[in-house]
Protein backbone atom coordinates (compact mmCIF):
# COMPACT_ATOMS: atom_id res chain seq x y z
CA UNK A 1 22.41 -81.60 -40.59
CA UNK A 2 22.69 -78.90 -37.93
CA UNK A 3 26.05 -77.21 -37.58
CA UNK A 4 27.48 -75.34 -34.63
CA UNK A 5 28.57 -71.72 -34.83
CA UNK A 6 32.32 -71.18 -35.10
CA UNK A 7 33.56 -69.08 -32.17
CA UNK A 8 35.53 -65.85 -32.57
CA UNK A 9 39.25 -66.32 -32.01
CA UNK A 10 41.56 -63.70 -30.52
CA UNK A 11 44.62 -65.12 -32.28
CA UNK A 12 45.76 -67.76 -34.75
CA UNK A 13 47.24 -69.75 -31.86
CA UNK A 14 43.82 -69.82 -30.16
CA UNK A 15 42.16 -70.93 -33.39
CA UNK A 16 44.83 -73.59 -33.99
CA UNK A 17 44.31 -74.98 -30.47
CA UNK A 18 40.54 -75.04 -31.01
CA UNK A 19 40.69 -76.98 -34.28
CA UNK A 20 43.21 -79.41 -32.79
CA UNK A 21 40.51 -80.54 -30.35
CA UNK A 22 37.30 -80.13 -32.39
CA UNK A 23 35.88 -81.92 -35.42
CA UNK A 24 35.24 -79.65 -38.41
CA UNK A 25 32.25 -81.81 -39.36
CA UNK A 26 30.44 -80.30 -36.37
CA UNK A 27 30.90 -76.82 -37.87
CA UNK A 28 30.66 -77.30 -41.64
CA UNK A 29 28.07 -79.07 -43.77
CA UNK A 30 30.32 -80.84 -46.26
CA UNK A 31 27.30 -81.81 -48.39
CA UNK A 32 27.05 -78.11 -49.32
CA UNK A 33 30.77 -77.73 -50.01
CA UNK A 34 31.77 -76.34 -53.39
CA UNK A 35 35.15 -76.36 -55.12
CA UNK A 36 37.03 -73.09 -54.98
CA UNK A 37 39.86 -71.63 -57.01
CA UNK A 38 42.77 -69.94 -55.31
CA UNK A 39 44.65 -68.24 -58.15
CA UNK A 40 46.92 -66.23 -55.84
CA UNK A 41 48.06 -69.22 -53.80
CA UNK A 42 51.80 -69.48 -54.15
CA UNK A 43 53.49 -72.86 -54.26
CA UNK A 44 55.71 -73.90 -51.40
CA UNK A 45 59.29 -73.11 -52.24
CA UNK A 46 62.35 -75.08 -51.24
CA UNK A 47 65.78 -73.51 -51.14
CA UNK A 48 68.47 -75.46 -52.95
CA UNK A 49 72.15 -74.81 -53.35
CA UNK A 50 73.81 -75.23 -56.73
CA UNK A 51 77.44 -74.92 -57.66
CA UNK A 52 77.60 -73.40 -61.12
CA UNK A 53 80.59 -72.26 -63.13
CA UNK A 54 81.08 -68.50 -62.82
CA UNK A 55 80.92 -68.15 -66.59
CA UNK A 56 77.46 -69.77 -66.63
CA UNK A 57 76.21 -67.45 -63.88
CA UNK A 58 77.59 -64.45 -65.78
CA UNK A 59 75.87 -65.62 -68.98
CA UNK A 60 72.61 -66.08 -67.08
CA UNK A 61 72.93 -62.57 -65.64
CA UNK A 62 73.53 -61.07 -69.10
CA UNK A 63 70.55 -62.96 -70.56
CA UNK A 64 68.36 -61.99 -67.61
CA UNK A 65 69.32 -58.35 -68.05
CA UNK A 66 68.35 -58.52 -71.73
CA UNK A 67 64.98 -60.04 -70.76
CA UNK A 68 64.60 -57.57 -67.87
CA UNK A 69 64.06 -60.28 -65.24
CA UNK A 70 66.08 -61.21 -62.15
CA UNK A 71 68.62 -63.88 -63.04
CA UNK A 72 67.36 -66.29 -60.36
CA UNK A 73 63.86 -66.01 -61.84
CA UNK A 74 65.33 -66.74 -65.25
CA UNK A 75 67.01 -69.86 -63.85
CA UNK A 76 63.64 -71.07 -62.52
CA UNK A 77 61.98 -70.40 -65.88
CA UNK A 78 64.68 -72.23 -67.82
CA UNK A 79 64.65 -75.19 -65.42
CA UNK A 80 60.87 -75.43 -65.57
CA UNK A 81 60.83 -75.31 -69.37
CA UNK A 82 63.60 -77.92 -69.57
CA UNK A 83 61.87 -80.29 -67.16
CA UNK A 84 58.54 -79.96 -69.01
CA UNK A 85 60.28 -80.62 -72.33
CA UNK A 86 62.07 -83.71 -70.98
CA UNK A 87 58.90 -85.07 -69.39
CA UNK A 88 56.94 -84.61 -72.61
CA UNK A 89 59.67 -86.44 -74.57
CA UNK A 90 59.24 -89.41 -72.24
CA UNK A 91 55.44 -89.30 -72.19
CA UNK A 92 55.23 -88.17 -68.57
CA UNK A 93 52.61 -85.67 -67.42
CA UNK A 94 53.86 -82.22 -66.43
CA UNK A 95 53.85 -81.52 -62.69
CA UNK A 96 52.95 -77.92 -61.93
């Protein structure tokens, strides 16, 4: 299969407009495609708002200080561990 050469783009907007009107199959030989790992790809984050008792937030801040991590990071760690534990108790696969 013969593929076309991808043009040089002056900006991301120009590239976006190009791919919106062109088929990638004309530019890539998918038969030669290989899986790739992207270890530095960060998951999409969603902001949520929680109302927590002040005493709980203070306890989290103290614990975070002892562990030398930001308290919001500690909250994410604790939530993740709790969800994984609950899922495993119910025979559900972990979703990471």
